[in-house]
Amino acid sequence: MHSLEDRRFFKQRLFILNMDKWAELLTGLVLIVGVILIAWASSAYSWTLFGKDLNFLHAAWLFLKGGIFWFAFFIGLLFIVLGINDLRE
């Protein structure tokens, strides 16, 4: 049997050790808002570095569309495997 301390093993070993729930929520909110603002600013003001366009919003949108495609593909594959398993019974 695992004790309660074993379940919280990785949470205790984090870089920021004693964060309470409000600090965790505030840190998460700051990170989310920061990422959204950086993505918006990179697309609105056309950042460039060494001749490359740093449009993070476009890259995030492409990644999301690809993720949705693969999610739908694997859900379909899961249904096929479950259907084959039901046919075997």
PDB file of N, CA and C in Angstrom:
ATOM      1  N   MET A   1       0.823  -1.179   0.000  1.00  0.00           N
ATOM      2  CA  MET A   1       0.000   0.000   0.000  1.00  0.00           C
ATOM      3  C   MET A   1       0.869   1.245   0.000  1.00  0.00           C
ATOM      4  N   HIS A   2       0.391   2.228  -0.719  1.00  0.00           N
ATOM      5  CA  HIS A   2       1.105   3.495  -0.765  1.00  0.00           C
ATOM      6  C   HIS A   2       0.539   4.436   0.285  1.00  0.00           C
ATOM      7  N   SER A   3       1.440   5.079   0.966  1.00  0.00           N
ATOM      8  CA  SER A   3       0.970   6.056   1.943  1.00  0.00           C
ATOM      9  C   SER A   3       0.645   7.376   1.254  1.00  0.00           C
ATOM     10  N   LEU A   4       0.073   8.283   1.992  1.00  0.00           N
ATOM     11  CA  LEU A   4      -0.280   9.589   1.455  1.00  0.00           C
ATOM     12  C   LEU A   4       0.971  10.342   1.021  1.00  0.00           C
ATOM     13  N   GLU A   5       2.078  10.143   1.701  1.00  0.00           N
ATOM     14  CA  GLU A   5       3.326  10.821   1.335  1.00  0.00           C
ATOM     15  C   GLU A   5       3.856  10.307  -0.004  1.00  0.00           C
ATOM     16  N   ASP A   6       3.637   9.038  -0.329  1.00  0.00           N
ATOM     17  CA  ASP A   6       4.104   8.494  -1.600  1.00  0.00           C
ATOM     18  C   ASP A   6       3.354   9.109  -2.771  1.00  0.00           C
ATOM     19  N   ARG A   7       2.096   9.449  -2.592  1.00  0.00           N
ATOM     20  CA  ARG A   7       1.303  10.033  -3.675  1.00  0.00           C
ATOM     21  C   ARG A   7       1.733  11.453  -3.989  1.00  0.00           C
ATOM     22  N   ARG A   8       2.204  12.171  -2.984  1.00  0.00           N
ATOM     23  CA  ARG A   8       2.622  13.548  -3.191  1.00  0.00           C
ATOM     24  C   ARG A   8       4.137  13.665  -3.376  1.00  0.00           C
ATOM     25  N   PHE A   9       4.777  12.588  -3.762  1.00  0.00           N
ATOM     26  CA  PHE A   9       6.231  12.560  -3.883  1.00  0.00           C
ATOM     27  C   PHE A   9       6.734  13.580  -4.884  1.00  0.00           C
ATOM     28  N   PHE A  10       6.149  13.604  -6.094  1.00  0.00           N
ATOM     29  CA  PHE A  10       6.645  14.492  -7.136  1.00  0.00           C
ATOM     30  C   PHE A  10       6.252  15.940  -6.875  1.00  0.00           C
ATOM     31  N   LYS A  11       5.111  16.161  -6.278  1.00  0.00           N
ATOM     32  CA  LYS A  11       4.702  17.531  -5.982  1.00  0.00           C
ATOM     33  C   LYS A  11       5.618  18.160  -4.946  1.00  0.00           C
ATOM     34  N   GLN A  12       6.118  17.395  -4.025  1.00  0.00           N
ATOM     35  CA  GLN A  12       7.017  17.921  -3.020  1.00  0.00           C
ATOM     36  C   GLN A  12       8.400  18.192  -3.586  1.00  0.00           C
ATOM     37  N   ARG A  13       8.771  17.525  -4.658  1.00  0.00           N
ATOM     38  CA  ARG A  13      10.114  17.663  -5.215  1.00  0.00           C
ATOM     39  C   ARG A  13      10.211  18.748  -6.279  1.00  0.00           C
ATOM     40  N   LEU A  14       9.147  19.529  -6.474  1.00  0.00           N
ATOM     41  CA  LEU A  14       9.174  20.587  -7.469  1.00  0.00           C
ATOM     42  C   LEU A  14      10.136  21.685  -7.060  1.00  0.00           C
ATOM     43  N   PHE A  15      10.496  22.524  -8.049  1.00  0.00           N
ATOM     44  CA  PHE A  15      11.412  23.633  -7.804  1.00  0.00           C
ATOM     45  C   PHE A  15      10.839  24.593  -6.763  1.00  0.00           C
ATOM     46  N   ILE A  16       9.581  24.940  -6.885  1.00  0.00           N
ATOM     47  CA  ILE A  16       8.914  25.799  -5.907  1.00  0.00           C
ATOM     48  C   ILE A  16       8.222  24.864  -4.929  1.00  0.00           C
ATOM     49  N   LEU A  17       8.775  24.743  -3.754  1.00  0.00           N
ATOM     50  CA  LEU A  17       8.351  23.658  -2.879  1.00  0.00           C
ATOM     51  C   LEU A  17       7.029  23.893  -2.172  1.00  0.00           C
ATOM     52  N   ASN A  18       6.856  24.989  -1.512  1.00  0.00           N
ATOM     53  CA  ASN A  18       5.681  25.143  -0.656  1.00  0.00           C
ATOM     54  C   ASN A  18       4.717  26.168  -1.224  1.00  0.00           C
ATOM     55  N   MET A  19       4.138  25.898  -2.382  1.00  0.00           N
ATOM     56  CA  MET A  19       3.151  26.789  -2.966  1.00  0.00           C
ATOM     57  C   MET A  19       1.770  26.386  -2.477  1.00  0.00           C
ATOM     58  N   ASP A  20       0.995  27.371  -2.076  1.00  0.00           N
ATOM     59  CA  ASP A  20      -0.378  27.059  -1.713  1.00  0.00           C
ATOM     60  C   ASP A  20      -1.254  27.115  -2.969  1.00  0.00           C
ATOM     61  N   LYS A  21      -2.528  26.807  -2.814  1.00  0.00           N
ATOM     62  CA  LYS A  21      -3.404  26.707  -3.980  1.00  0.00           C
ATOM     63  C   LYS A  21      -3.584  28.046  -4.670  1.00  0.00           C
ATOM     64  N   TRP A  22      -3.591  29.156  -3.924  1.00  0.00           N
ATOM     65  CA  TRP A  22      -3.773  30.468  -4.544  1.00  0.00           C
ATOM     66  C   TRP A  22      -2.545  30.882  -5.333  1.00  0.00           C
ATOM     67  N   ALA A  23      -1.365  30.539  -4.837  1.00  0.00           N
ATOM     68  CA  ALA A  23      -0.143  30.858  -5.574  1.00  0.00           C
ATOM     69  C   ALA A  23      -0.070  30.037  -6.862  1.00  0.00           C
ATOM     70  N   GLU A  24      -0.506  28.794  -6.793  1.00  0.00           N
ATOM     71  CA  GLU A  24      -0.527  27.961  -7.998  1.00  0.00           C
ATOM     72  C   GLU A  24      -1.505  28.506  -9.023  1.00  0.00           C
ATOM     73  N   LEU A  25      -2.699  28.915  -8.575  1.00  0.00           N
ATOM     74  CA  LEU A  25      -3.682  29.483  -9.495  1.00  0.00           C
ATOM     75  C   LEU A  25      -3.194  30.787 -10.105  1.00  0.00           C
ATOM     76  N   LEU A  26      -2.588  31.649  -9.294  1.00  0.00           N
ATOM     77  CA  LEU A  26      -2.083  32.920  -9.792  1.00  0.00           C
ATOM     78  C   LEU A  26      -0.940  32.708 -10.784  1.00  0.00           C
ATOM     79  N   THR A  27      -0.039  31.784 -10.492  1.00  0.00           N
ATOM     80  CA  THR A  27       1.060  31.486 -11.408  1.00  0.00           C
ATOM     81  C   THR A  27       0.532  30.943 -12.724  1.00  0.00           C
ATOM     82  N   GLY A  28      -0.436  30.045 -12.659  1.00  0.00           N
ATOM     83  CA  GLY A  28      -1.033  29.509 -13.882  1.00  0.00           C
ATOM     84  C   GLY A  28      -1.725  30.575 -14.689  1.00  0.00           C
ATOM     85  N   LEU A  29      -2.449  31.464 -14.026  1.00  0.00           N
ATOM     86  CA  LEU A  29      -3.143  32.546 -14.719  1.00  0.00           C
ATOM     87  C   LEU A  29      -2.164  33.501 -15.381  1.00  0.00           C
ATOM     88  N   VAL A  30      -1.084  33.838 -14.692  1.00  0.00           N
ATOM     89  CA  VAL A  30      -0.066  34.720 -15.267  1.00  0.00           C
ATOM     90  C   VAL A  30       0.574  34.066 -16.492  1.00  0.00           C
ATOM     91  N   LEU A  31       0.862  32.771 -16.413  1.00  0.00           N
ATOM     92  CA  LEU A  31       1.461  32.079 -17.556  1.00  0.00           C
ATOM     93  C   LEU A  31       0.514  32.036 -18.745  1.00  0.00           C
ATOM     94  N   ILE A  32      -0.756  31.731 -18.513  1.00  0.00           N
ATOM     95  CA  ILE A  32      -1.731  31.660 -19.603  1.00  0.00           C
ATOM     96  C   ILE A  32      -1.912  33.021 -20.262  1.00  0.00           C
ATOM     97  N   VAL A  33      -2.095  34.062 -19.455  1.00  0.00           N
ATOM     98  CA  VAL A  33      -2.275  35.404 -20.018  1.00  0.00           C
ATOM     99  C   VAL A  33      -1.011  35.853 -20.741  1.00  0.00           C
ATOM    100  N   GLY A  34       0.149  35.533 -20.191  1.00  0.00           N
ATOM    101  CA  GLY A  34       1.410  35.885 -20.842  1.00  0.00           C
ATOM    102  C   GLY A  34       1.568  35.223 -22.199  1.00  0.00           C
ATOM    103  N   VAL A  35       1.236  33.956 -22.290  1.00  0.00           N
ATOM    104  CA  VAL A  35       1.347  33.240 -23.566  1.00  0.00           C
ATOM    105  C   VAL A  35       0.378  33.823 -24.589  1.00  0.00           C
ATOM    106  N   ILE A  36      -0.842  34.134 -24.150  1.00  0.00           N
ATOM    107  CA  ILE A  36      -1.814  34.719 -25.072  1.00  0.00           C
ATOM    108  C   ILE A  36      -1.345  36.073 -25.580  1.00  0.00           C
ATOM    109  N   LEU A  37      -0.815  36.905 -24.682  1.00  0.00           N
ATOM    110  CA  LEU A  37      -0.330  38.223 -25.093  1.00  0.00           C
ATOM    111  C   LEU A  37       0.876  38.139 -26.029  1.00  0.00           C
ATOM    112  N   ILE A  38       1.782  37.221 -25.765  1.00  0.00           N
ATOM    113  CA  ILE A  38       2.946  37.056 -26.644  1.00  0.00           C
ATOM    114  C   ILE A  38       2.506  36.567 -28.017  1.00  0.00           C
ATOM    115  N   ALA A  39       1.561  35.619 -28.064  1.00  0.00           N
ATOM    116  CA  ALA A  39       1.070  35.124 -29.355  1.00  0.00           C
ATOM    117  C   ALA A  39       0.378  36.229 -30.130  1.00  0.00           C
ATOM    118  N   TRP A  40      -0.437  37.034 -29.444  1.00  0.00           N
ATOM    119  CA  TRP A  40      -1.133  38.130 -30.125  1.00  0.00           C
ATOM    120  C   TRP A  40      -0.152  39.181 -30.621  1.00  0.00           C
ATOM    121  N   ALA A  41       0.800  39.576 -29.777  1.00  0.00           N
ATOM    122  CA  ALA A  41       1.750  40.615 -30.168  1.00  0.00           C
ATOM    123  C   ALA A  41       2.650  40.150 -31.304  1.00  0.00           C
ATOM    124  N   SER A  42       3.014  38.869 -31.324  1.00  0.00           N
ATOM    125  CA  SER A  42       3.881  38.382 -32.402  1.00  0.00           C
ATOM    126  C   SER A  42       3.152  38.365 -33.738  1.00  0.00           C
ATOM    127  N   SER A  43       1.838  38.192 -33.717  1.00  0.00           N
ATOM    128  CA  SER A  43       1.102  38.193 -34.981  1.00  0.00           C
ATOM    129  C   SER A  43       0.704  39.604 -35.392  1.00  0.00           C
ATOM    130  N   ALA A  44       0.435  40.469 -34.438  1.00  0.00           N
ATOM    131  CA  ALA A  44      -0.027  41.820 -34.757  1.00  0.00           C
ATOM    132  C   ALA A  44       1.108  42.721 -35.219  1.00  0.00           C
ATOM    133  N   TYR A  45       2.315  42.540 -34.679  1.00  0.00           N
ATOM    134  CA  TYR A  45       3.414  43.450 -34.979  1.00  0.00           C
ATOM    135  C   TYR A  45       4.500  42.829 -35.837  1.00  0.00           C
ATOM    136  N   SER A  46       4.278  41.647 -36.345  1.00  0.00           N
ATOM    137  CA  SER A  46       5.192  40.913 -37.241  1.00  0.00           C
ATOM    138  C   SER A  46       6.637  40.958 -36.767  1.00  0.00           C
ATOM    139  N   TRP A  47       6.897  40.217 -35.704  1.00  0.00           N
ATOM    140  CA  TRP A  47       8.250  40.109 -35.177  1.00  0.00           C
ATOM    141  C   TRP A  47       9.106  39.319 -36.151  1.00  0.00           C
ATOM    142  N   THR A  48      10.339  39.729 -36.358  1.00  0.00           N
ATOM    143  CA  THR A  48      11.277  38.983 -37.195  1.00  0.00           C
ATOM    144  C   THR A  48      12.605  38.885 -36.463  1.00  0.00           C
ATOM    145  N   LEU A  49      13.279  37.767 -36.652  1.00  0.00           N
ATOM    146  CA  LEU A  49      14.595  37.533 -36.066  1.00  0.00           C
ATOM    147  C   LEU A  49      15.414  36.781 -37.096  1.00  0.00           C
ATOM    148  N   PHE A  50      16.505  37.389 -37.551  1.00  0.00           N
ATOM    149  CA  PHE A  50      17.378  36.814 -38.586  1.00  0.00           C
ATOM    150  C   PHE A  50      16.603  36.479 -39.857  1.00  0.00           C
ATOM    151  N   GLY A  51      15.653  37.314 -40.200  1.00  0.00           N
ATOM    152  CA  GLY A  51      14.875  37.129 -41.415  1.00  0.00           C
ATOM    153  C   GLY A  51      13.748  36.121 -41.299  1.00  0.00           C
ATOM    154  N   LYS A  52      13.544  35.554 -40.137  1.00  0.00           N
ATOM    155  CA  LYS A  52      12.458  34.581 -39.911  1.00  0.00           C
ATOM    156  C   LYS A  52      11.301  35.267 -39.187  1.00  0.00           C
ATOM    157  N   ASP A  53      10.091  34.970 -39.610  1.00  0.00           N
ATOM    158  CA  ASP A  53       8.904  35.540 -38.994  1.00  0.00           C
ATOM    159  C   ASP A  53       8.563  34.748 -37.738  1.00  0.00           C
ATOM    160  N   LEU A  54       8.417  35.435 -36.619  1.00  0.00           N
ATOM    161  CA  LEU A  54       8.097  34.784 -35.350  1.00  0.00           C
ATOM    162  C   LEU A  54       6.622  34.983 -35.028  1.00  0.00           C
ATOM    163  N   ASN A  55       5.761  34.409 -35.830  1.00  0.00           N
ATOM    164  CA  ASN A  55       4.323  34.509 -35.603  1.00  0.00           C
ATOM    165  C   ASN A  55       3.885  33.289 -34.804  1.00  0.00           C
ATOM    166  N   PHE A  56       3.880  33.426 -33.485  1.00  0.00           N
ATOM    167  CA  PHE A  56       3.546  32.304 -32.614  1.00  0.00           C
ATOM    168  C   PHE A  56       2.077  31.918 -32.700  1.00  0.00           C
ATOM    169  N   LEU A  57       1.212  32.879 -32.974  1.00  0.00           N
ATOM    170  CA  LEU A  57      -0.217  32.571 -33.076  1.00  0.00           C
ATOM    171  C   LEU A  57      -0.497  31.643 -34.251  1.00  0.00           C
ATOM    172  N   HIS A  58       0.145  31.874 -35.379  1.00  0.00           N
ATOM    173  CA  HIS A  58      -0.039  31.008 -36.552  1.00  0.00           C
ATOM    174  C   HIS A  58       0.489  29.603 -36.269  1.00  0.00           C
ATOM    175  N   ALA A  59       1.649  29.524 -35.627  1.00  0.00           N
ATOM    176  CA  ALA A  59       2.222  28.209 -35.296  1.00  0.00           C
ATOM    177  C   ALA A  59       1.336  27.453 -34.314  1.00  0.00           C
ATOM    178  N   ALA A  60       0.777  28.170 -33.341  1.00  0.00           N
ATOM    179  CA  ALA A  60      -0.108  27.514 -32.368  1.00  0.00           C
ATOM    180  C   ALA A  60      -1.384  27.023 -33.043  1.00  0.00           C
ATOM    181  N   TRP A  61      -1.918  27.812 -33.988  1.00  0.00           N
ATOM    182  CA  TRP A  61      -3.133  27.415 -34.696  1.00  0.00           C
ATOM    183  C   TRP A  61      -2.876  26.170 -35.545  1.00  0.00           C
ATOM    184  N   LEU A  62      -1.735  26.117 -36.228  1.00  0.00           N
ATOM    185  CA  LEU A  62      -1.413  24.936 -37.027  1.00  0.00           C
ATOM    186  C   LEU A  62      -1.246  23.703 -36.147  1.00  0.00           C
ATOM    187  N   PHE A  63      -0.603  23.867 -35.001  1.00  0.00           N
ATOM    188  CA  PHE A  63      -0.420  22.750 -34.075  1.00  0.00           C
ATOM    189  C   PHE A  63      -1.762  22.262 -33.554  1.00  0.00           C
ATOM    190  N   LEU A  64      -2.670  23.191 -33.236  1.00  0.00           N
ATOM    191  CA  LEU A  64      -3.992  22.808 -32.751  1.00  0.00           C
ATOM    192  C   LEU A  64      -4.784  22.063 -33.819  1.00  0.00           C
ATOM    193  N   LYS A  65      -4.741  22.546 -35.062  1.00  0.00           N
ATOM    194  CA  LYS A  65      -5.468  21.860 -36.138  1.00  0.00           C
ATOM    195  C   LYS A  65      -4.908  20.456 -36.352  1.00  0.00           C
ATOM    196  N   GLY A  66      -3.592  20.304 -36.301  1.00  0.00           N
ATOM    197  CA  GLY A  66      -3.001  18.972 -36.440  1.00  0.00           C
ATOM    198  C   GLY A  66      -3.384  18.067 -35.290  1.00  0.00           C
ATOM    199  N   GLY A  67      -3.434  18.630 -34.072  1.00  0.00           N
ATOM    200  CA  GLY A  67      -3.815  17.840 -32.902  1.00  0.00           C
ATOM    201  C   GLY A  67      -5.251  17.377 -32.969  1.00  0.00           C
ATOM    202  N   ILE A  68      -6.143  18.237 -33.458  1.00  0.00           N
ATOM    203  CA  ILE A  68      -7.552  17.852 -33.604  1.00  0.00           C
ATOM    204  C   ILE A  68      -7.693  16.719 -34.616  1.00  0.00           C
ATOM    205  N   PHE A  69      -6.935  16.800 -35.704  1.00  0.00           N
ATOM    206  CA  PHE A  69      -6.977  15.748 -36.723  1.00  0.00           C
ATOM    207  C   PHE A  69      -6.537  14.411 -36.131  1.00  0.00           C
ATOM    208  N   TRP A  70      -5.389  14.398 -35.441  1.00  0.00           N
ATOM    209  CA  TRP A  70      -4.890  13.137 -34.894  1.00  0.00           C
ATOM    210  C   TRP A  70      -5.770  12.622 -33.768  1.00  0.00           C
ATOM    211  N   PHE A  71      -6.396  13.509 -32.989  1.00  0.00           N
ATOM    212  CA  PHE A  71      -7.324  13.088 -31.948  1.00  0.00           C
ATOM    213  C   PHE A  71      -8.521  12.375 -32.567  1.00  0.00           C
ATOM    214  N   ALA A  72      -9.093  12.945 -33.613  1.00  0.00           N
ATOM    215  CA  ALA A  72     -10.233  12.318 -34.285  1.00  0.00           C
ATOM    216  C   ALA A  72      -9.823  10.989 -34.914  1.00  0.00           C
ATOM    217  N   PHE A  73      -8.622  10.928 -35.490  1.00  0.00           N
ATOM    218  CA  PHE A  73      -8.132   9.692 -36.097  1.00  0.00           C
ATOM    219  C   PHE A  73      -8.024   8.575 -35.060  1.00  0.00           C
ATOM    220  N   PHE A  74      -7.428   8.880 -33.908  1.00  0.00           N
ATOM    221  CA  PHE A  74      -7.243   7.849 -32.895  1.00  0.00           C
ATOM    222  C   PHE A  74      -8.544   7.479 -32.194  1.00  0.00           C
ATOM    223  N   ILE A  75      -9.495   8.386 -32.092  1.00  0.00           N
ATOM    224  CA  ILE A  75     -10.814   8.016 -31.566  1.00  0.00           C
ATOM    225  C   ILE A  75     -11.491   7.040 -32.527  1.00  0.00           C
ATOM    226  N   GLY A  76     -11.395   7.304 -33.829  1.00  0.00           N
ATOM    227  CA  GLY A  76     -11.936   6.372 -34.819  1.00  0.00           C
ATOM    228  C   GLY A  76     -11.260   5.018 -34.748  1.00  0.00           C
ATOM    229  N   LEU A  77      -9.938   5.016 -34.585  1.00  0.00           N
ATOM    230  CA  LEU A  77      -9.199   3.766 -34.451  1.00  0.00           C
ATOM    231  C   LEU A  77      -9.623   3.016 -33.191  1.00  0.00           C
ATOM    232  N   LEU A  78      -9.857   3.737 -32.116  1.00  0.00           N
ATOM    233  CA  LEU A  78     -10.318   3.122 -30.883  1.00  0.00           C
ATOM    234  C   LEU A  78     -11.679   2.466 -31.074  1.00  0.00           C
ATOM    235  N   PHE A  79     -12.600   3.158 -31.765  1.00  0.00           N
ATOM    236  CA  PHE A  79     -13.915   2.572 -32.016  1.00  0.00           C
ATOM    237  C   PHE A  79     -13.814   1.315 -32.882  1.00  0.00           C
ATOM    238  N   ILE A  80     -12.918   1.302 -33.858  1.00  0.00           N
ATOM    239  CA  ILE A  80     -12.735   0.098 -34.692  1.00  0.00           C
ATOM    240  C   ILE A  80     -12.231  -1.055 -33.854  1.00  0.00           C
ATOM    241  N   VAL A  81     -11.251  -0.803 -32.997  1.00  0.00           N
ATOM    242  CA  VAL A  81     -10.707  -1.868 -32.148  1.00  0.00           C
ATOM    243  C   VAL A  81     -11.775  -2.366 -31.177  1.00  0.00           C
ATOM    244  N   LEU A  82     -12.550  -1.444 -30.602  1.00  0.00           N
ATOM    245  CA  LEU A  82     -13.621  -1.878 -29.688  1.00  0.00           C
ATOM    246  C   LEU A  82     -14.700  -2.669 -30.423  1.00  0.00           C
ATOM    247  N   GLY A  83     -15.008  -2.277 -31.666  1.00  0.00           N
ATOM    248  CA  GLY A  83     -15.983  -3.030 -32.452  1.00  0.00           C
ATOM    249  C   GLY A  83     -15.505  -4.416 -32.798  1.00  0.00           C
ATOM    250  N   ILE A  84     -14.234  -4.542 -33.148  1.00  0.00           N
ATOM    251  CA  ILE A  84     -13.665  -5.858 -33.451  1.00  0.00           C
ATOM    252  C   ILE A  84     -13.671  -6.712 -32.189  1.00  0.00           C
ATOM    253  N   ASN A  85     -13.355  -6.106 -31.052  1.00  0.00           N
ATOM    254  CA  ASN A  85     -13.368  -6.855 -29.793  1.00  0.00           C
ATOM    255  C   ASN A  85     -14.781  -7.337 -29.471  1.00  0.00           C
ATOM    256  N   ASP A  86     -15.797  -6.529 -29.736  1.00  0.00           N
ATOM    257  CA  ASP A  86     -17.184  -6.948 -29.474  1.00  0.00           C
ATOM    258  C   ASP A  86     -17.613  -8.059 -30.428  1.00  0.00           C
ATOM    259  N   LEU A  87     -17.128  -8.036 -31.677  1.00  0.00           N
ATOM    260  CA  LEU A  87     -17.455  -9.101 -32.634  1.00  0.00           C
ATOM    261  C   LEU A  87     -16.862 -10.444 -32.220  1.00  0.00           C
ATOM    262  N   ARG A  88     -15.730 -10.399 -31.558  1.00  0.00           N
ATOM    263  CA  ARG A  88     -15.070 -11.646 -31.147  1.00  0.00           C
ATOM    264  C   ARG A  88     -15.831 -12.332 -30.033  1.00  0.00           C
ATOM    265  N   GLU A  89     -16.619 -11.605 -29.275  1.00  0.00           N
ATOM    266  CA  GLU A  89     -17.336 -12.216 -28.135  1.00  0.00           C
ATOM    267  C   GLU A  89     -18.627 -12.863 -28.556  1.00  0.00           C
TER     268      GLU A  89
END
